[in-house]
N, C-alpha and C. Protein backbone atom coordinates (compact mmCIF):
# COMPACT_ATOMS: atom_id res chain seq x y z
N MET A 1 -25.05 -16.12 -20.13
CA MET A 1 -24.11 -17.00 -19.69
C MET A 1 -22.84 -16.80 -20.06
N LEU A 2 -22.21 -16.36 -21.26
CA LEU A 2 -21.68 -15.50 -21.47
C LEU A 2 -21.06 -14.56 -21.11
N LEU A 3 -21.66 -13.39 -21.39
CA LEU A 3 -21.86 -11.88 -20.25
C LEU A 3 -22.17 -11.90 -18.85
N LYS A 4 -22.86 -13.15 -18.87
CA LYS A 4 -22.66 -12.58 -16.98
C LYS A 4 -21.52 -12.74 -17.05
N LEU A 5 -20.46 -13.44 -17.21
CA LEU A 5 -19.40 -13.63 -16.82
C LEU A 5 -18.23 -12.95 -17.24
N LEU A 6 -18.88 -12.96 -18.00
CA LEU A 6 -17.55 -11.19 -18.37
C LEU A 6 -17.48 -10.08 -17.24
N LEU A 7 -19.09 -10.35 -17.42
CA LEU A 7 -19.77 -8.76 -16.13
C LEU A 7 -18.94 -8.86 -14.80
N LEU A 8 -19.33 -10.40 -14.24
CA LEU A 8 -18.87 -10.54 -13.20
C LEU A 8 -17.03 -10.74 -13.30
N PHE A 9 -16.12 -10.85 -13.69
CA PHE A 9 -14.12 -11.29 -14.17
C PHE A 9 -13.87 -9.87 -14.34
N LEU A 10 -14.74 -8.61 -15.35
CA LEU A 10 -14.38 -7.67 -15.68
C LEU A 10 -13.31 -6.76 -14.52
N PRO A 11 -14.53 -5.87 -13.66
CA PRO A 11 -13.42 -5.52 -12.14
C PRO A 11 -12.47 -6.83 -11.71
N LEU A 12 -12.00 -7.66 -11.44
CA LEU A 12 -10.99 -8.29 -11.25
C LEU A 12 -10.37 -8.22 -12.18
N GLY A 13 -10.16 -7.96 -13.58
CA GLY A 13 -9.45 -8.16 -13.69
C GLY A 13 -8.30 -6.99 -14.39
N LEU A 14 -9.15 -6.16 -14.49
CA LEU A 14 -8.77 -4.82 -14.50
C LEU A 14 -8.08 -4.01 -13.05
N THR A 15 -8.20 -5.12 -12.25
CA THR A 15 -7.51 -4.42 -10.67
C THR A 15 -5.71 -4.68 -10.61
N LEU A 16 -5.49 -6.06 -11.46
CA LEU A 16 -3.77 -5.49 -11.78
C LEU A 16 -3.40 -4.40 -12.63
N PRO A 17 -3.72 -4.68 -14.39
CA PRO A 17 -4.43 -3.33 -14.67
C PRO A 17 -3.82 -2.25 -14.22
N LEU A 18 -4.72 -2.16 -13.02
CA LEU A 18 -5.08 -0.64 -12.98
C LEU A 18 -3.91 -0.45 -11.47
N LEU A 19 -3.42 -1.05 -11.44
CA LEU A 19 -2.65 -1.98 -9.78
C LEU A 19 -1.27 -0.69 -10.74
N TYR A 20 -0.48 -1.70 -11.99
CA TYR A 20 0.22 -1.29 -11.80
C TYR A 20 0.41 -0.02 -12.96
N LEU A 21 -0.32 0.62 -13.42
CA LEU A 21 -0.37 1.82 -14.55
C LEU A 21 -0.59 3.08 -13.00
N ILE A 22 -0.66 2.75 -11.60
CA ILE A 22 -0.35 3.49 -11.76
C ILE A 22 0.51 3.32 -10.08
N GLY A 23 1.71 2.17 -10.16
CA GLY A 23 2.86 2.06 -9.57
C GLY A 23 3.22 2.78 -10.83
N GLU A 24 3.28 2.56 -11.76
CA GLU A 24 4.58 3.16 -12.72
C GLU A 24 4.23 4.38 -13.33
N GLY A 25 3.20 5.14 -12.37
CA GLY A 25 2.95 6.48 -12.58
C GLY A 25 2.04 6.90 -13.86
N VAL A 26 1.53 6.29 -14.00
CA VAL A 26 0.83 6.78 -15.92
C VAL A 26 -0.61 7.22 -15.47
N LEU A 27 -1.56 6.20 -14.59
CA LEU A 27 -2.36 6.94 -13.80
C LEU A 27 -1.81 7.72 -12.58
N ASP A 28 -1.99 9.16 -12.03
CA ASP A 28 -1.25 9.96 -10.43
C ASP A 28 -2.56 10.37 -10.29
N PHE A 29 -2.96 10.49 -9.19
CA PHE A 29 -4.15 10.93 -8.22
C PHE A 29 -4.07 11.97 -7.54
N GLY A 30 -2.35 13.07 -7.51
CA GLY A 30 -1.58 13.62 -6.80
C GLY A 30 -1.40 12.65 -5.43
N ALA A 31 -1.64 12.06 -4.85
CA ALA A 31 -1.26 11.73 -3.55
C ALA A 31 0.20 10.72 -3.55
N GLY A 32 0.68 10.28 -4.36
CA GLY A 32 2.27 9.83 -4.51
C GLY A 32 1.78 8.42 -4.07
N GLU A 33 2.39 7.24 -3.15
CA GLU A 33 1.92 6.35 -3.37
C GLU A 33 1.07 5.87 -2.08
N LYS A 34 -0.28 6.49 -2.26
CA LYS A 34 -1.12 6.66 -1.01
C LYS A 34 -2.22 6.16 -2.33
N ASP A 35 -1.40 5.92 -3.75
CA ASP A 35 -2.49 6.20 -4.89
C ASP A 35 -2.98 4.73 -4.85
N LEU A 36 -2.03 4.10 -4.62
CA LEU A 36 -2.07 2.12 -4.30
C LEU A 36 -3.33 1.60 -3.75
N LEU A 37 -3.66 3.07 -2.75
CA LEU A 37 -5.10 2.37 -1.71
C LEU A 37 -6.21 2.78 -2.43
N TRP A 38 -5.91 3.33 -3.89
CA TRP A 38 -7.64 3.16 -5.03
C TRP A 38 -7.29 1.77 -5.47
N GLY A 39 -5.99 1.45 -5.62
CA GLY A 39 -5.98 0.15 -6.13
C GLY A 39 -5.92 -1.10 -5.70
N PHE A 40 -5.71 -1.16 -4.20
CA PHE A 40 -6.32 -1.91 -3.28
C PHE A 40 -7.63 -2.16 -3.32
N LEU A 41 -8.24 -0.90 -3.14
CA LEU A 41 -10.09 -0.55 -2.33
C LEU A 41 -10.45 -1.20 -3.68
N TRP A 42 -9.52 -1.61 -4.86
CA TRP A 42 -10.81 -1.32 -6.83
C TRP A 42 -10.05 -3.07 -5.93
N GLY A 43 -9.51 -3.47 -6.18
CA GLY A 43 -9.85 -4.55 -6.49
C GLY A 43 -10.67 -5.45 -4.60
N ILE A 44 -10.31 -4.43 -3.78
CA ILE A 44 -12.42 -4.94 -2.60
C ILE A 44 -13.11 -5.59 -3.29
N SER A 45 -13.66 -4.06 -3.52
CA SER A 45 -14.33 -3.78 -4.36
C SER A 45 -14.74 -5.05 -5.45
N SER A 46 -13.33 -4.91 -6.41
CA SER A 46 -14.25 -6.68 -7.44
C SER A 46 -14.46 -7.43 -6.61
N ILE A 47 -13.75 -8.01 -5.23
CA ILE A 47 -14.11 -9.39 -5.18
C ILE A 47 -15.07 -9.19 -4.68
N ILE A 48 -15.85 -9.24 -3.77
CA ILE A 48 -16.65 -8.00 -3.37
C ILE A 48 -18.31 -8.55 -4.56
N PHE A 49 -17.64 -7.60 -5.82
CA PHE A 49 -19.10 -7.43 -6.48
C PHE A 49 -18.70 -9.31 -7.12
N LEU A 50 -17.55 -9.78 -7.35
CA LEU A 50 -17.94 -11.61 -7.78
C LEU A 50 -18.94 -11.70 -7.02
N LEU A 51 -18.30 -11.87 -5.46
CA LEU A 51 -18.75 -12.87 -4.50
C LEU A 51 -20.43 -12.60 -4.78
N ILE A 52 -20.93 -11.77 -4.06
CA ILE A 52 -22.85 -10.94 -4.23
C ILE A 52 -23.21 -11.14 -5.50
N GLY A 53 -22.48 -11.32 -7.19
CA GLY A 53 -23.42 -11.60 -8.23
C GLY A 53 -23.09 -12.87 -8.46
N VAL A 54 -21.65 -14.76 -7.92
CA VAL A 54 -21.97 -15.55 -8.33
C VAL A 54 -23.93 -15.37 -6.76
N VAL A 55 -23.73 -14.82 -5.68
CA VAL A 55 -25.03 -15.50 -5.35
C VAL A 55 -26.38 -15.32 -6.11
N LEU A 56 -26.93 -13.55 -6.48
CA LEU A 56 -27.78 -12.84 -6.87
C LEU A 56 -28.01 -13.92 -8.64
N TRP A 57 -26.97 -14.24 -9.37
CA TRP A 57 -26.95 -15.09 -10.35
C TRP A 57 -27.60 -16.29 -10.67
N ARG A 58 -27.31 -16.52 -9.35
CA ARG A 58 -28.06 -18.03 -8.69
C ARG A 58 -30.27 -17.54 -8.74
N ARG A 59 -30.41 -16.49 -8.89
CA ARG A 59 -31.02 -16.07 -7.87
C ARG A 59 -31.83 -15.13 -9.20
N GLU A 60 -31.47 -14.69 -9.72
CA GLU A 60 -32.61 -13.48 -11.13
C GLU A 60 -31.93 -13.92 -12.01
N THR A 61 -32.51 -13.70 -13.36
CA THR A 61 -32.42 -14.16 -14.22
C THR A 61 -32.49 -12.73 -15.25
N GLN A 62 -32.61 -11.40 -14.66
CA GLN A 62 -32.55 -10.51 -15.82
C GLN A 62 -31.36 -9.53 -14.99
N LEU A 63 -30.76 -10.22 -16.71
CA LEU A 63 -29.54 -9.19 -16.51
C LEU A 63 -29.31 -7.81 -16.06
N SER A 64 -30.17 -6.94 -16.53
CA SER A 64 -30.63 -5.77 -15.63
C SER A 64 -30.34 -5.78 -14.07
N ARG A 65 -31.08 -6.15 -14.38
CA ARG A 65 -32.02 -6.26 -12.37
C ARG A 65 -30.39 -6.73 -11.50
N TRP A 66 -29.80 -7.80 -11.93
CA TRP A 66 -28.39 -8.48 -11.35
C TRP A 66 -27.94 -7.38 -11.65
N PHE A 67 -27.39 -7.11 -12.33
CA PHE A 67 -25.66 -6.33 -12.24
C PHE A 67 -25.69 -5.33 -11.52
N LEU A 68 -27.37 -4.02 -10.86
CA LEU A 68 -27.71 -3.01 -10.14
C LEU A 68 -27.60 -3.58 -9.07
N ARG A 69 -27.84 -5.13 -8.74
CA ARG A 69 -28.33 -4.89 -7.26
C ARG A 69 -26.74 -5.00 -6.88
N SER A 70 -26.02 -6.44 -8.02
CA SER A 70 -24.57 -6.58 -7.50
C SER A 70 -24.22 -5.14 -7.11
N TRP A 71 -24.19 -3.76 -7.61
CA TRP A 71 -23.31 -2.55 -7.50
C TRP A 71 -23.62 -2.42 -6.23
N ILE A 72 -24.50 -2.60 -6.00
CA ILE A 72 -25.98 -1.38 -5.23
C ILE A 72 -25.70 -2.27 -3.53
N TYR A 73 -25.44 -3.66 -3.48
CA TYR A 73 -24.98 -4.16 -2.41
C TYR A 73 -23.21 -4.20 -2.06
N THR A 74 -22.37 -4.81 -3.13
CA THR A 74 -20.95 -4.50 -3.32
C THR A 74 -20.64 -2.79 -2.21
N LEU A 75 -21.62 -1.27 -2.95
CA LEU A 75 -21.11 0.03 -2.72
C LEU A 75 -22.01 0.07 -0.98
N LEU A 76 -22.71 -0.84 -0.34
CA LEU A 76 -23.54 -0.49 0.98
C LEU A 76 -22.37 -1.49 1.95
N LEU A 77 -22.31 -2.57 1.07
CA LEU A 77 -20.67 -3.55 2.61
C LEU A 77 -20.20 -3.22 2.33
N LEU A 78 -19.00 -2.01 1.44
CA LEU A 78 -17.90 -1.50 1.37
C LEU A 78 -18.02 -0.28 2.36
N LEU A 79 -19.03 0.95 2.37
CA LEU A 79 -19.20 1.47 3.52
C LEU A 79 -19.43 1.14 5.13
N ILE A 80 -20.53 -0.25 5.56
CA ILE A 80 -20.46 -0.88 6.10
C ILE A 80 -19.12 -0.74 7.21
N LEU A 81 -17.76 -1.29 5.81
CA LEU A 81 -16.33 -1.82 6.22
C LEU A 81 -15.67 -1.03 6.20
N TRP A 82 -15.98 0.45 5.56
CA TRP A 82 -15.60 1.52 6.41
C TRP A 82 -15.13 2.20 6.62
N LEU A 83 -16.81 1.89 8.02
CA LEU A 83 -17.82 2.27 9.07
C LEU A 83 -16.99 1.94 9.78
N GLY A 84 -17.08 0.09 9.96
CA GLY A 84 -16.72 -0.69 11.34
C GLY A 84 -14.76 0.05 11.19
N LEU A 85 -13.67 -0.51 10.34
CA LEU A 85 -12.41 0.54 10.22
C LEU A 85 -12.61 2.23 10.74
N LEU A 86 -13.81 3.07 10.39
CA LEU A 86 -13.32 3.76 11.09
C LEU A 86 -13.47 3.50 11.90
N GLY A 87 -14.15 2.62 13.19
CA GLY A 87 -15.12 3.29 14.73
C GLY A 87 -13.80 2.07 14.91
N TYR A 88 -13.45 0.99 14.34
CA TYR A 88 -12.54 0.81 15.19
C TYR A 88 -11.06 1.33 15.37
N SER A 89 -10.60 2.84 15.45
CA SER A 89 -9.64 3.24 14.92
C SER A 89 -10.42 4.15 15.69
N VAL A 90 -11.32 4.91 16.03
CA VAL A 90 -11.26 5.68 16.69
C VAL A 90 -11.72 5.62 18.52
N ILE A 91 -11.83 3.76 18.72
CA ILE A 91 -12.08 3.47 19.38
C ILE A 91 -10.69 2.68 20.38
N SER A 92 -10.30 2.66 19.33
CA SER A 92 -8.61 2.19 20.24
C SER A 92 -7.64 3.13 19.78
N ALA A 93 -7.97 4.38 19.93
CA ALA A 93 -6.87 5.07 19.86
C ALA A 93 -6.87 6.42 20.75
């Protein structure tokens, strides 16, 4: 149970240090201030992972299946969100 809690909150706990390192210039992806978008994307995916992980935790008991499904569902939801925003920007332009 403690390991599941740690795995649930680990990505969310790494969000602020990641944003700080990008803001200070320690991590540089070559896009200037737009690098912060990677940090925000990480934060959004961490929150989605946490929510999906809690739901799957109530259903699944095996750690490997729970962890893998949480990341797959998170990536699929981010892809759907990205495609929705892309479609919205094309329609509104």
